[in-house]
Amino acid sequence: MMPRLFRFLLSGGSAAAVEYAIFLLLQTGLGTDWLLLNQSVSFAGGFIVSYMLNRHWVFRSEGAWGAELAKYGLLAVINLILGNVAISLLAGPLGVPPLLAKLIVMVMVASWNYVIFSRLVFRQRPTA
């Protein structure tokens, strides 16, 4: 059986790929003037993939989905706010290209999510 951290990295990579692809499409289609909208919409796409994979595959949660989704959603809102501030600073005053700024923000968010998910969000099955 695959270790949970490895499953987390795979699911996170999948969600990140979806999020970044949406961001890239929006940046190309709408343009850089819509940076925060593009960041927010792409984040929502990644959120959906991330929640489903984390709940069902990574943590194999048996907790009440509504309560977990509420906690996950609260964390997502905090991540979105911090991510929007960070991408605004990176792509604005710091002059980092938006596509690179998005990658930096995604790594920042992923770095603290594993601990929060495993300890505060998902109720895990007892191991036999």
C-alpha atoms as a PDB file:
ATOM      1  CA  MET A   1       0.000   0.000   0.000  1.00  0.00           C
ATOM      2  CA  MET A   2       1.196   3.469  -0.895  1.00  0.00           C
ATOM      3  CA  PRO A   3       2.180   5.708   2.056  1.00  0.00           C
ATOM      4  CA  ARG A   4      -0.275   8.503   2.768  1.00  0.00           C
ATOM      5  CA  LEU A   5       2.307  11.254   2.183  1.00  0.00           C
ATOM      6  CA  PHE A   6       3.004   9.853  -1.289  1.00  0.00           C
ATOM      7  CA  ARG A   7      -0.739   9.737  -2.064  1.00  0.00           C
ATOM      8  CA  PHE A   8      -0.975  13.336  -0.808  1.00  0.00           C
ATOM      9  CA  LEU A   9       1.810  14.398  -3.164  1.00  0.00           C
ATOM     10  CA  LEU A  10       0.167  12.643  -6.123  1.00  0.00           C
ATOM     11  CA  SER A  11      -3.262  14.071  -5.394  1.00  0.00           C
ATOM     12  CA  GLY A  12      -1.776  17.493  -4.746  1.00  0.00           C
ATOM     13  CA  GLY A  13       0.118  17.307  -8.011  1.00  0.00           C
ATOM     14  CA  SER A  14      -3.085  16.397  -9.838  1.00  0.00           C
ATOM     15  CA  ALA A  15      -5.031  19.236  -8.233  1.00  0.00           C
ATOM     16  CA  ALA A  16      -2.135  21.617  -8.897  1.00  0.00           C
ATOM     17  CA  ALA A  17      -2.032  20.594 -12.562  1.00  0.00           C
ATOM     18  CA  VAL A  18      -5.766  21.282 -12.908  1.00  0.00           C
ATOM     19  CA  GLU A  19      -5.430  24.607 -11.069  1.00  0.00           C
ATOM     20  CA  TYR A  20      -2.428  25.737 -13.112  1.00  0.00           C
ATOM     21  CA  ALA A  21      -3.993  24.673 -16.419  1.00  0.00           C
ATOM     22  CA  ILE A  22      -7.117  26.699 -15.643  1.00  0.00           C
ATOM     23  CA  PHE A  23      -4.947  29.673 -14.625  1.00  0.00           C
ATOM     24  CA  LEU A  24      -2.912  29.425 -17.815  1.00  0.00           C
ATOM     25  CA  LEU A  25      -6.056  29.269 -19.960  1.00  0.00           C
ATOM     26  CA  LEU A  26      -7.600  32.246 -18.185  1.00  0.00           C
ATOM     27  CA  GLN A  27      -4.411  34.299 -18.326  1.00  0.00           C
ATOM     28  CA  THR A  28      -4.180  33.574 -22.039  1.00  0.00           C
ATOM     29  CA  GLY A  29      -7.872  34.140 -22.742  1.00  0.00           C
ATOM     30  CA  LEU A  30      -8.738  37.017 -20.419  1.00  0.00           C
ATOM     31  CA  GLY A  31      -5.291  38.526 -20.023  1.00  0.00           C
ATOM     32  CA  THR A  32      -3.180  39.633 -17.097  1.00  0.00           C
ATOM     33  CA  ASP A  33      -5.547  42.480 -16.183  1.00  0.00           C
ATOM     34  CA  TRP A  34      -7.765  39.791 -14.644  1.00  0.00           C
ATOM     35  CA  LEU A  35      -5.023  38.322 -12.432  1.00  0.00           C
ATOM     36  CA  LEU A  36      -7.050  37.991  -9.212  1.00  0.00           C
ATOM     37  CA  LEU A  37     -10.123  36.641 -10.998  1.00  0.00           C
ATOM     38  CA  ASN A  38      -7.949  34.138 -12.852  1.00  0.00           C
ATOM     39  CA  GLN A  39      -6.222  33.186  -9.579  1.00  0.00           C
ATOM     40  CA  SER A  40      -9.549  32.761  -7.775  1.00  0.00           C
ATOM     41  CA  VAL A  41     -11.316  30.746 -10.490  1.00  0.00           C
ATOM     42  CA  SER A  42      -8.326  28.454 -10.998  1.00  0.00           C
ATOM     43  CA  PHE A  43      -8.042  27.997  -7.232  1.00  0.00           C
ATOM     44  CA  ALA A  44     -11.699  26.883  -7.127  1.00  0.00           C
ATOM     45  CA  GLY A  45     -11.040  24.277  -9.834  1.00  0.00           C
ATOM     46  CA  GLY A  46      -8.065  22.924  -7.919  1.00  0.00           C
ATOM     47  CA  PHE A  47     -10.121  22.974  -4.694  1.00  0.00           C
ATOM     48  CA  ILE A  48     -12.725  20.601  -6.108  1.00  0.00           C
ATOM     49  CA  VAL A  49     -10.146  18.094  -7.340  1.00  0.00           C
ATOM     50  CA  SER A  50      -8.111  18.394  -4.147  1.00  0.00           C
ATOM     51  CA  TYR A  51     -11.070  17.861  -1.811  1.00  0.00           C
ATOM     52  CA  MET A  52     -12.320  14.787  -3.633  1.00  0.00           C
ATOM     53  CA  LEU A  53      -8.902  13.125  -3.871  1.00  0.00           C
ATOM     54  CA  ASN A  54      -7.908  13.969  -0.298  1.00  0.00           C
ATOM     55  CA  ARG A  55     -11.174  12.812   1.235  1.00  0.00           C
ATOM     56  CA  HIS A  56     -11.563   9.577  -0.700  1.00  0.00           C
ATOM     57  CA  TRP A  57      -8.060   8.488  -1.618  1.00  0.00           C
ATOM     58  CA  VAL A  58      -5.381  10.163   0.531  1.00  0.00           C
ATOM     59  CA  PHE A  59      -6.990  10.193   3.971  1.00  0.00           C
ATOM     60  CA  ARG A  60      -9.788   7.680   3.239  1.00  0.00           C
ATOM     61  CA  SER A  61     -11.977   9.639   5.553  1.00  0.00           C
ATOM     62  CA  GLU A  62     -15.057   8.259   7.241  1.00  0.00           C
ATOM     63  CA  GLY A  63     -16.032  11.541   8.868  1.00  0.00           C
ATOM     64  CA  ALA A  64     -19.206  13.448   8.080  1.00  0.00           C
ATOM     65  CA  TRP A  65     -18.598  14.950   4.654  1.00  0.00           C
ATOM     66  CA  GLY A  66     -20.480  18.156   5.499  1.00  0.00           C
ATOM     67  CA  ALA A  67     -18.334  18.937   8.529  1.00  0.00           C
ATOM     68  CA  GLU A  68     -15.156  18.071   6.651  1.00  0.00           C
ATOM     69  CA  LEU A  69     -16.178  20.146   3.652  1.00  0.00           C
ATOM     70  CA  ALA A  70     -16.876  23.104   5.954  1.00  0.00           C
ATOM     71  CA  LYS A  71     -13.401  22.826   7.524  1.00  0.00           C
ATOM     72  CA  TYR A  72     -11.797  22.270   4.130  1.00  0.00           C
ATOM     73  CA  GLY A  73     -13.713  25.224   2.725  1.00  0.00           C
ATOM     74  CA  LEU A  74     -12.639  27.494   5.579  1.00  0.00           C
ATOM     75  CA  LEU A  75      -9.021  26.530   5.000  1.00  0.00           C
ATOM     76  CA  ALA A  76      -9.524  27.119   1.263  1.00  0.00           C
ATOM     77  CA  VAL A  77     -10.876  30.632   1.892  1.00  0.00           C
ATOM     78  CA  ILE A  78      -7.844  31.430   4.070  1.00  0.00           C
ATOM     79  CA  ASN A  79      -5.530  29.952   1.411  1.00  0.00           C
ATOM     80  CA  LEU A  80      -7.293  31.948  -1.319  1.00  0.00           C
ATOM     81  CA  ILE A  81      -6.977  35.227   0.586  1.00  0.00           C
ATOM     82  CA  LEU A  82      -3.312  34.627   1.386  1.00  0.00           C
ATOM     83  CA  GLY A  83      -2.701  33.427  -2.168  1.00  0.00           C
ATOM     84  CA  ASN A  84      -4.350  36.511  -3.675  1.00  0.00           C
ATOM     85  CA  VAL A  85      -2.269  38.812  -1.468  1.00  0.00           C
ATOM     86  CA  ALA A  86       0.909  36.917  -2.340  1.00  0.00           C
ATOM     87  CA  ILE A  87       0.276  36.811  -6.094  1.00  0.00           C
ATOM     88  CA  SER A  88      -0.612  40.518  -6.087  1.00  0.00           C
ATOM     89  CA  LEU A  89       2.663  41.362  -4.372  1.00  0.00           C
ATOM     90  CA  LEU A  90       4.740  39.005  -6.482  1.00  0.00           C
ATOM     91  CA  ALA A  91       3.270  39.983  -9.849  1.00  0.00           C
ATOM     92  CA  GLY A  92       2.846  43.645  -8.875  1.00  0.00           C
ATOM     93  CA  PRO A  93       5.571  45.475  -6.956  1.00  0.00           C
ATOM     94  CA  LEU A  94       8.057  42.603  -7.084  1.00  0.00           C
ATOM     95  CA  GLY A  95       7.708  42.191 -10.857  1.00  0.00           C
ATOM     96  CA  VAL A  96       7.575  38.390 -10.922  1.00  0.00           C
ATOM     97  CA  PRO A  97       5.909  37.132 -14.130  1.00  0.00           C
ATOM     98  CA  PRO A  98       2.324  36.037 -13.305  1.00  0.00           C
ATOM     99  CA  LEU A  99       2.810  32.417 -14.395  1.00  0.00           C
ATOM    100  CA  LEU A 100       5.835  32.066 -12.106  1.00  0.00           C
ATOM    101  CA  ALA A 101       4.077  33.951  -9.305  1.00  0.00           C
ATOM    102  CA  LYS A 102       1.211  31.457  -9.511  1.00  0.00           C
ATOM    103  CA  LEU A 103       3.631  28.527  -9.117  1.00  0.00           C
ATOM    104  CA  ILE A 104       5.260  30.163  -6.097  1.00  0.00           C
ATOM    105  CA  VAL A 105       1.866  30.721  -4.457  1.00  0.00           C
ATOM    106  CA  MET A 106       0.810  27.116  -5.129  1.00  0.00           C
ATOM    107  CA  VAL A 107       3.970  25.782  -3.443  1.00  0.00           C
ATOM    108  CA  MET A 108       3.405  28.066  -0.442  1.00  0.00           C
ATOM    109  CA  VAL A 109      -0.156  26.842   0.042  1.00  0.00           C
ATOM    110  CA  ALA A 110       0.716  23.165  -0.434  1.00  0.00           C
ATOM    111  CA  SER A 111       3.497  23.392   2.143  1.00  0.00           C
ATOM    112  CA  TRP A 112       1.151  23.819   5.106  1.00  0.00           C
ATOM    113  CA  ASN A 113      -1.929  21.957   3.831  1.00  0.00           C
ATOM    114  CA  TYR A 114      -0.763  18.390   4.544  1.00  0.00           C
ATOM    115  CA  VAL A 115      -0.383  18.959   8.277  1.00  0.00           C
ATOM    116  CA  ILE A 116      -3.659  20.858   8.521  1.00  0.00           C
ATOM    117  CA  PHE A 117      -5.574  18.247   6.490  1.00  0.00           C
ATOM    118  CA  SER A 118      -4.194  15.284   8.415  1.00  0.00           C
ATOM    119  CA  ARG A 119      -4.726  16.783  11.864  1.00  0.00           C
ATOM    120  CA  LEU A 120      -7.739  19.048  11.588  1.00  0.00           C
ATOM    121  CA  VAL A 121      -9.889  18.195   8.578  1.00  0.00           C
ATOM    122  CA  PHE A 122     -10.171  14.490   7.769  1.00  0.00           C
ATOM    123  CA  ARG A 123     -11.192  11.758  10.206  1.00  0.00           C
ATOM    124  CA  GLN A 124      -9.152   8.716   9.298  1.00  0.00           C
ATOM    125  CA  ARG A 125      -9.986   5.053   9.563  1.00  0.00           C
ATOM    126  CA  PRO A 126      -8.214   3.283  12.376  1.00  0.00           C
ATOM    127  CA  THR A 127      -5.402   1.076  11.096  1.00  0.00           C
ATOM    128  CA  ALA A 128      -5.735  -2.614  11.846  1.00  0.00           C
END
